[in-house]
């Protein structure tokens, strides 16, 4: 069960999923589904800082397997056994 989280800043918002993400997990995170102007896809986001989101995901059994920066965007990839 891989999962990626994106953050444009260290304080949020944090993108936590796309239109195919598990609705119950998105609900647990308190995520809102949105479509940004010009995008042909939907995404889930929360206003929480990434550290808060990562702590919530850890409590569900997810573990960070990698992290990288792309411009001003930070990306965490997580996995759940």
C-alpha atoms as a PDB file:
ATOM      1  CA  UNK A   1       0.000   0.000   0.000  1.00  0.00           C
ATOM      2  CA  UNK A   2       2.273   2.858  -1.124  1.00  0.00           C
ATOM      3  CA  UNK A   3       1.290   6.444  -0.377  1.00  0.00           C
ATOM      4  CA  UNK A   4       2.906   9.761  -1.281  1.00  0.00           C
ATOM      5  CA  UNK A   5       2.504  13.085   0.514  1.00  0.00           C
ATOM      6  CA  UNK A   6       3.468  16.424  -0.990  1.00  0.00           C
ATOM      7  CA  UNK A   7       3.976  19.770   0.683  1.00  0.00           C
ATOM      8  CA  UNK A   8       4.700  23.094  -0.979  1.00  0.00           C
ATOM      9  CA  UNK A   9       5.916  24.497   2.335  1.00  0.00           C
ATOM     10  CA  UNK A  10       7.102  23.083   5.616  1.00  0.00           C
ATOM     11  CA  UNK A  11       3.932  24.340   7.328  1.00  0.00           C
ATOM     12  CA  UNK A  12       1.273  23.124   4.857  1.00  0.00           C
ATOM     13  CA  UNK A  13      -0.966  22.639   3.067  1.00  0.00           C
ATOM     14  CA  UNK A  14      -0.100  19.004   2.536  1.00  0.00           C
ATOM     15  CA  UNK A  15      -1.417  17.052  -0.438  1.00  0.00           C
ATOM     16  CA  UNK A  16      -2.250  13.556   0.782  1.00  0.00           C
ATOM     17  CA  UNK A  17      -3.937  11.764  -2.103  1.00  0.00           C
ATOM     18  CA  UNK A  18      -5.598  11.735  -5.494  1.00  0.00           C
ATOM     19  CA  UNK A  19      -9.109  10.858  -6.654  1.00  0.00           C
ATOM     20  CA  UNK A  20      -8.312   7.132  -6.299  1.00  0.00           C
ATOM     21  CA  UNK A  21      -7.180   7.341  -2.657  1.00  0.00           C
ATOM     22  CA  UNK A  22      -8.845   5.372   0.136  1.00  0.00           C
ATOM     23  CA  UNK A  23     -11.799   7.535   1.271  1.00  0.00           C
ATOM     24  CA  UNK A  24     -11.648   6.219   4.851  1.00  0.00           C
ATOM     25  CA  UNK A  25      -7.950   7.138   5.143  1.00  0.00           C
ATOM     26  CA  UNK A  26      -8.630  10.581   3.652  1.00  0.00           C
ATOM     27  CA  UNK A  27     -11.441  11.032   6.181  1.00  0.00           C
ATOM     28  CA  UNK A  28      -9.116   9.994   9.037  1.00  0.00           C
ATOM     29  CA  UNK A  29      -6.610  12.635   7.900  1.00  0.00           C
ATOM     30  CA  UNK A  30      -9.367  15.258   7.675  1.00  0.00           C
ATOM     31  CA  UNK A  31      -8.596  15.771   3.983  1.00  0.00           C
ATOM     32  CA  UNK A  32     -10.669  17.828   1.564  1.00  0.00           C
ATOM     33  CA  UNK A  33     -11.024  16.866  -2.116  1.00  0.00           C
ATOM     34  CA  UNK A  34     -10.388  19.669  -4.619  1.00  0.00           C
ATOM     35  CA  UNK A  35      -9.733  20.331  -8.279  1.00  0.00           C
ATOM     36  CA  UNK A  36      -7.247  23.124  -8.964  1.00  0.00           C
ATOM     37  CA  UNK A  37      -7.979  25.364 -11.952  1.00  0.00           C
ATOM     38  CA  UNK A  38      -6.256  23.974 -15.030  1.00  0.00           C
ATOM     39  CA  UNK A  39      -5.745  20.469 -13.618  1.00  0.00           C
ATOM     40  CA  UNK A  40      -7.621  17.510 -15.077  1.00  0.00           C
ATOM     41  CA  UNK A  41      -7.473  15.563 -11.821  1.00  0.00           C
ATOM     42  CA  UNK A  42      -8.662  15.814  -8.231  1.00  0.00           C
ATOM     43  CA  UNK A  43      -6.472  15.815  -5.135  1.00  0.00           C
ATOM     44  CA  UNK A  44      -6.959  15.543  -1.390  1.00  0.00           C
ATOM     45  CA  UNK A  45      -5.249  18.053   0.875  1.00  0.00           C
ATOM     46  CA  UNK A  46      -5.116  19.071   4.524  1.00  0.00           C
ATOM     47  CA  UNK A  47      -4.043  22.384   6.033  1.00  0.00           C
ATOM     48  CA  UNK A  48      -1.864  20.547   8.569  1.00  0.00           C
ATOM     49  CA  UNK A  49       1.902  20.682   8.468  1.00  0.00           C
ATOM     50  CA  UNK A  50       3.584  17.562   7.047  1.00  0.00           C
ATOM     51  CA  UNK A  51       4.870  16.474  10.491  1.00  0.00           C
ATOM     52  CA  UNK A  52       1.284  16.263  11.768  1.00  0.00           C
ATOM     53  CA  UNK A  53       0.176  14.255   8.717  1.00  0.00           C
ATOM     54  CA  UNK A  54       3.192  11.939   8.983  1.00  0.00           C
ATOM     55  CA  UNK A  55       2.483  11.322  12.688  1.00  0.00           C
ATOM     56  CA  UNK A  56      -1.153  10.429  11.889  1.00  0.00           C
ATOM     57  CA  UNK A  57      -0.048   8.058   9.107  1.00  0.00           C
ATOM     58  CA  UNK A  58       2.501   6.420  11.419  1.00  0.00           C
ATOM     59  CA  UNK A  59      -0.305   5.687  13.880  1.00  0.00           C
ATOM     60  CA  UNK A  60      -2.030   3.782  11.017  1.00  0.00           C
ATOM     61  CA  UNK A  61       1.052   1.662  10.318  1.00  0.00           C
ATOM     62  CA  UNK A  62       2.626   3.673   7.476  1.00  0.00           C
ATOM     63  CA  UNK A  63       6.404   4.163   7.446  1.00  0.00           C
ATOM     64  CA  UNK A  64       8.471   6.669   5.459  1.00  0.00           C
ATOM     65  CA  UNK A  65      10.619   4.870   2.887  1.00  0.00           C
ATOM     66  CA  UNK A  66      11.997   7.906   1.051  1.00  0.00           C
ATOM     67  CA  UNK A  67      11.887  11.687   0.930  1.00  0.00           C
ATOM     68  CA  UNK A  68      13.081  14.204  -1.633  1.00  0.00           C
ATOM     69  CA  UNK A  69      12.755  17.834  -2.567  1.00  0.00           C
ATOM     70  CA  UNK A  70      11.584  18.986  -6.000  1.00  0.00           C
ATOM     71  CA  UNK A  71      11.965  22.755  -6.255  1.00  0.00           C
ATOM     72  CA  UNK A  72      10.004  24.138  -3.298  1.00  0.00           C
ATOM     73  CA  UNK A  73       7.954  20.934  -3.013  1.00  0.00           C
ATOM     74  CA  UNK A  74       8.791  18.194  -0.510  1.00  0.00           C
ATOM     75  CA  UNK A  75       7.709  14.618  -1.292  1.00  0.00           C
ATOM     76  CA  UNK A  76       7.484  11.726   1.183  1.00  0.00           C
ATOM     77  CA  UNK A  77       6.821   8.160   0.032  1.00  0.00           C
ATOM     78  CA  UNK A  78       5.351   5.835   2.637  1.00  0.00           C
ATOM     79  CA  UNK A  79       4.546   2.136   2.751  1.00  0.00           C
ATOM     80  CA  UNK A  80       2.205   0.044   4.863  1.00  0.00           C
ATOM     81  CA  UNK A  81       2.871  -3.681   5.231  1.00  0.00           C
END
